[in-house]
Amino acid sequence: MNLGVIKCLKDKSKKDLRILYASEEFLQFLNVNEISIFDDISSRLDEDIVKKIKNLMFLNKPSRLFVYSVNFSGFIEITVIPEGDFCWIVFSDLSEFLKKQYEMNRLDFFNKLELELLSVFIDPKDIFEVYNSLVEKFMKIDGVYSVGIFRVENGVVKEISSSKNFVYSDNLELKLTEIYKNGKYYIEKINGKYVLFFPIYHSNIVIEIVIFELEDKKFFDEYLLNFLKEIEVAISMTIDRISLKNEISRKNHQLLEAIDDIIEVMSKIVELRDPYTAGHQKNVSRLSYEIGKRLGFDNERLLILKYAALVHDIGKIGVPIEILVKPSKLSDLEFNLIKEHPKIGYNLLSDLISPYDKISEIVLQHHERIDGSGYPFGLKGDDILMESKVIAVADTVDAMISHRPYRPSLGLEKAIVELKNNARKKYDEKVVEVCLDLFNEGFKFY
């Protein structure tokens, strides 16, 4: 806003600021009706401003000055334009401009702070992680001295999170209990600072109260209030999301337990039909799991490997029991029937939901061999699933050291020789290496 224009005589002594002309706006600015020609207006302006104007008058070029005027109680812009023995001086009010700039900066700051907080609300471990992050971010707000977040349960005040410099006092407890009941934000001066109490609602109930210690009341403005209201909504949504996530996790845990029980029952069914292999699938599962860990399988992959190994012979329920327990050598026809058990197992397991649907494919391939000599498809090398390669090694070891209807145990030494002789032929070299390391380190099935 234009505050007026004056034309002054250049005084080389720089003692006076004598008027030759003054606009109506300038007279209003000084709150006077008139000024006589050659009047000295130095006394009507701030002393330091007059000094700066006098210096700029003799620069012989237009100059600008941005200053705070105590007399005017605001920021003003002064443009000094020398013209021979005279000088034009233009006064402009910057208060409105600076106010708008401040508001824009304030709005921009809160918008950026909201963006920073997005990551906090996306996937927190729990609501306490959210509150700790909020305290850290709140401390960045201009004018905020300290922050505390509190909960009132059964009339007892509990601190959830706070900045290091926050000091809790007994007189805050009554205020917190009050606000917890009436649910309205409130600000008052306590110990020289303005304290803002802001309730956080969830499902129409106050769950927490945020306390801000502010350097001045002016910092509690519409921008802070709107920001806090948006944070309140985000907190409420995050609580719902965390609750849903926990419920899903609980259901998944129950599902895993159910699957674990089902797999266990399926494993026992095979053992009941073939008592000579009792414990075999558990042994294969345990060794496979340890090999998988050494190979760097993640938790989900390890769990699937464990389950696949526990039921790798489930297809044997489709093989006549007489063949399974036959004490003599099997005929070609009988062996061909045995070789069908991976396919039968695959068909039994193929309807499992994701990610357990992978189990059927692992079971289908557990008798495949690196050189293509395995069954049922004669797959080679990288065409065989890594999990199936692991089970193939674990299955071979336990089968050789266990008693069978047609032979006694061959012992661990022979099993190790079998693995060493056929690494890179029948068995994956890396899996064999890890398996041998485990036995060298003292691995035992029981």
Foldseek 3Di string as FASTA:
>chain_A
DWQWKFKFFQDPVLPFTFTQDTDPSVCVQLVHDDDDGGDGCCVSFDVVVSSVLNVVQPPQAKDKDWDQTPNNRAIKIWIWHHDVRMIMIIIGGCRVVVVVVVVVVLLVLLVVLVVVLPVLLPDHPALLSSVQVVQVSVVVQPFFDWKWKWFADPLDIDTSDIDPPDDDDPVVSVVQVVCQVVVDWDWDDDPQWIKIWHFQDAPNHGGMIMITTGNDPVSPDPSVVVSVVVVSVSSNVSNVVSVVVVVVVVVVVVVVVVVVVVLQVLLVVVCVLQVLCVCLLVLLLVLLLQLCVVVPPDPVVSSLLSSLSSCLQSLCVVQDSCLNQPQADDDPVNVVSSLCSLVSQLVVQCPDDPPNNVSNLLSNQLQAFQQQPGDDGSDHDPVHDPSSLLSNLSSQQSVQQGQGSHGHHNDNVVSLVVLVVQDVNGGPNSSNVSSVVCVVVPDDSD
